[in-house]
C-alpha cells in the first residue's frame, strides 16, 4: 500500500524529504509546473480525466527512464480519459529532448524547476539534492487521490501493477 515520504533512501542512505506526505482521499494540491514548451501547467487542466502523476528525480537516469517509458507504454493502451504526468526538476528543454530521443509521446512531461511548488506540495522535495523523490499518485476524475506511493528506495521502480490496477478500477 502507500508508503510515507519520511523513510526514503538512496542506496540505503536516508534522505531528508521536505513537504508533508499526501494520503489517499486528499485533493490534488494546486501547483504550477512548466511544460516542455515553457508554458505553465496546472493540475486543474487534467480535471475530468484519471491522472497518474509520476514524480522522478531525473529523466536522464536509468530508473527514471525505465519508469517513464513503462508508463508511456501503459497509457498508450488506454483511452484519452487517462493522462500520465511525469514531473522532474529537469529543464523543460532536457525533458523535450529526452522524450524525442526515447519516442515518449503518450506522457506529458512537466518541470518543477521554475516555481518549485510541486516538491513541497507533494512531499517529494529532496532539497539537499535539488531533485524530487520517486513517487506515484493516482487521482480520479474529480482530482481526489485514490493511490499514493512514495517509493522507499529512490533507485527502485514503483509497483506498476498496483498503479494500473487502480487506474483500471476507475475506468470501470
Protein backbone atom coordinates (compact mmCIF):
# COMPACT_ATOMS: atom_id res chain seq x y z
CA UNK A 1 0.00 0.00 0.00
CA UNK A 2 1.06 3.60 0.31
CA UNK A 3 4.33 4.44 1.99
CA UNK A 4 5.42 7.50 3.92
CA UNK A 5 7.79 10.06 2.45
CA UNK A 6 9.90 10.14 5.60
CA UNK A 7 11.66 6.82 5.03
CA UNK A 8 13.09 7.36 1.56
CA UNK A 9 16.63 6.21 0.92
CA UNK A 10 19.18 6.32 -1.88
CA UNK A 11 21.31 3.18 -1.98
CA UNK A 12 20.30 2.56 1.62
CA UNK A 13 21.23 6.02 2.91
CA UNK A 14 18.31 8.05 4.36
CA UNK A 15 17.28 11.22 2.53
CA UNK A 16 15.65 14.31 4.03
CA UNK A 17 12.32 14.86 2.29
CA UNK A 18 10.54 18.20 2.57
CA UNK A 19 6.79 18.53 2.40
CA UNK A 20 4.00 16.60 4.05
CA UNK A 21 3.19 13.17 2.68
CA UNK A 22 -0.11 13.09 0.80
CA UNK A 23 -2.68 10.44 1.61
CA UNK A 24 -5.48 8.71 -0.22
CA UNK A 25 -8.60 10.89 -0.07
CA UNK A 26 -6.72 14.19 -0.33
CA UNK A 27 -7.42 16.59 -3.19
CA UNK A 28 -4.54 17.17 -5.62
CA UNK A 29 -2.55 20.18 -4.41
CA UNK A 30 -2.66 23.31 -6.56
CA UNK A 31 0.76 23.64 -8.19
CA UNK A 32 2.14 25.30 -11.28
CA UNK A 33 4.63 23.40 -13.41
CA UNK A 34 6.45 24.27 -16.62
CA UNK A 35 5.72 22.32 -19.79
CA UNK A 36 8.30 21.30 -22.36
CA UNK A 37 7.20 24.33 -24.42
CA UNK A 38 7.83 26.61 -21.39
CA UNK A 39 4.08 27.15 -20.81
CA UNK A 40 2.57 26.99 -17.34
CA UNK A 41 0.69 23.79 -16.49
CA UNK A 42 -1.71 23.42 -13.57
CA UNK A 43 -3.22 20.17 -12.41
CA UNK A 44 -6.70 21.64 -12.82
CA UNK A 45 -6.23 21.29 -16.58
CA UNK A 46 -6.47 17.50 -16.13
CA UNK A 47 -9.83 17.51 -14.26
CA UNK A 48 -12.30 15.08 -15.78
CA UNK A 49 -9.55 12.56 -16.52
CA UNK A 50 -7.84 9.90 -14.46
CA UNK A 51 -4.42 11.37 -13.69
CA UNK A 52 -1.26 9.40 -12.92
CA UNK A 53 1.38 11.74 -11.50
CA UNK A 54 4.81 10.17 -11.72
CA UNK A 55 7.46 12.06 -9.73
CA UNK A 56 11.03 11.21 -10.74
CA UNK A 57 14.47 12.58 -9.84
CA UNK A 58 15.71 12.97 -13.45
CA UNK A 59 14.69 11.52 -16.81
CA UNK A 60 18.38 11.14 -17.66
CA UNK A 61 18.89 8.38 -15.09
CA UNK A 62 18.25 4.69 -15.78
CA UNK A 63 15.38 4.01 -13.36
CA UNK A 64 13.54 7.24 -14.20
CA UNK A 65 13.93 6.47 -17.90
CA UNK A 66 12.51 2.96 -17.45
CA UNK A 67 9.65 4.27 -15.29
CA UNK A 68 8.62 6.95 -17.77
CA UNK A 69 8.85 4.61 -20.77
CA UNK A 70 6.81 2.00 -18.92
CA UNK A 71 4.04 4.49 -18.12
CA UNK A 72 4.18 5.69 -21.75
CA UNK A 73 3.61 2.09 -22.86
CA UNK A 74 0.81 1.52 -20.34
CA UNK A 75 -1.12 4.71 -21.11
CA UNK A 76 -0.78 4.11 -24.87
CA UNK A 77 -3.10 1.13 -24.41
CA UNK A 78 -5.79 3.20 -22.70
CA UNK A 79 -8.33 5.80 -23.74
CA UNK A 80 -7.77 9.54 -23.71
CA UNK A 81 -9.54 9.51 -20.33
CA UNK A 82 -6.19 8.72 -18.68
CA UNK A 83 -3.20 11.07 -18.53
CA UNK A 84 0.29 10.36 -17.23
CA UNK A 85 2.10 13.46 -15.99
CA UNK A 86 5.78 12.89 -15.31
CA UNK A 87 7.31 15.59 -13.11
CA UNK A 88 11.00 16.19 -12.50
CA UNK A 89 13.26 19.18 -11.99
CA UNK A 90 14.94 18.60 -15.33
CA UNK A 91 14.84 21.69 -17.51
CA UNK A 92 11.91 21.65 -19.97
CA UNK A 93 14.39 21.60 -22.88
CA UNK A 94 16.02 18.46 -21.49
CA UNK A 95 12.62 16.84 -20.99
CA UNK A 96 11.63 17.60 -24.59
CA UNK A 97 14.96 16.28 -25.87
CA UNK A 98 14.66 13.10 -23.80
CA UNK A 99 11.04 12.43 -24.90
CA UNK A 100 12.01 12.90 -28.55
CA UNK A 101 15.07 10.66 -28.29
CA UNK A 102 13.12 7.92 -26.45
CA UNK A 103 9.93 8.13 -28.53
CA UNK A 104 7.81 9.00 -25.50
CA UNK A 105 4.65 10.61 -26.88
CA UNK A 106 1.82 9.49 -24.57
CA UNK A 107 3.24 11.02 -21.37
CA UNK A 108 3.04 14.72 -20.52
CA UNK A 109 6.32 15.89 -19.02
CA UNK A 110 6.50 18.94 -16.79
CA UNK A 111 9.23 20.54 -14.75
CA UNK A 112 9.26 21.81 -11.18
CA UNK A 113 12.48 23.78 -11.84
CA UNK A 114 10.89 27.24 -12.10
CA UNK A 115 8.26 27.51 -9.37
CA UNK A 116 9.41 24.64 -7.11
CA UNK A 117 5.89 24.22 -5.75
CA UNK A 118 5.40 20.56 -6.65
CA UNK A 119 8.09 19.02 -4.44
CA UNK A 120 6.87 20.56 -1.21
CA UNK A 121 3.15 20.25 -2.04
CA UNK A 122 3.52 16.57 -2.92
CA UNK A 123 6.08 15.72 -0.23
CA UNK A 124 8.81 14.80 -2.73
CA UNK A 125 11.28 17.68 -2.28
CA UNK A 126 14.84 16.42 -1.83
CA UNK A 127 16.27 19.84 -1.05
CA UNK A 128 19.85 18.72 -0.43
CA UNK A 129 19.95 17.06 -3.87
CA UNK A 130 17.80 19.63 -5.67
CA UNK A 131 15.70 16.75 -7.03
CA UNK A 132 12.31 15.13 -6.48
CA UNK A 133 11.79 11.79 -4.77
CA UNK A 134 10.31 8.90 -6.74
CA UNK A 135 6.59 8.65 -6.07
CA UNK A 136 3.38 7.83 -7.93
CA UNK A 137 -0.04 9.35 -7.33
CA UNK A 138 -3.34 8.45 -8.99
CA UNK A 139 -6.22 10.92 -8.90
CA UNK A 140 -9.76 10.25 -10.04
CA UNK A 141 -11.65 12.47 -12.44
CA UNK A 142 -12.52 14.89 -9.61
CA UNK A 143 -8.89 15.33 -8.53
CA UNK A 144 -9.14 13.14 -5.41
CA UNK A 145 -6.15 10.91 -4.70
CA UNK A 146 -7.04 7.23 -4.82
CA UNK A 147 -3.47 5.88 -4.78
CA UNK A 148 -0.27 7.22 -3.22
CA UNK A 149 3.12 5.52 -3.20
CA UNK A 150 6.38 7.08 -2.08
CA UNK A 151 8.90 4.54 -3.36
CA UNK A 152 11.07 3.78 -0.30
CA UNK A 153 14.34 3.30 -2.22
CA UNK A 154 14.82 6.01 -4.83
CA UNK A 155 16.87 3.66 -7.05
CA UNK A 156 13.95 1.19 -7.37
CA UNK A 157 10.94 1.23 -9.67
CA UNK A 158 7.36 1.73 -8.46
CA UNK A 159 4.72 -1.01 -8.41
CA UNK A 160 3.31 -0.59 -11.93
CA UNK A 161 0.71 -3.33 -11.48
CA UNK A 162 -0.76 -1.65 -8.41
CA UNK A 163 -0.91 1.71 -10.20
CA UNK A 164 -2.51 0.31 -13.35
CA UNK A 165 -4.91 -1.80 -11.27
CA UNK A 166 -6.17 1.35 -9.56
CA UNK A 167 -6.48 3.11 -12.92
CA UNK A 168 -8.44 0.18 -14.39
CA UNK A 169 -10.82 0.21 -11.43
CA UNK A 170 -11.52 3.92 -12.02
CA UNK A 171 -12.34 3.27 -15.67
CA UNK A 172 -14.90 0.53 -14.93
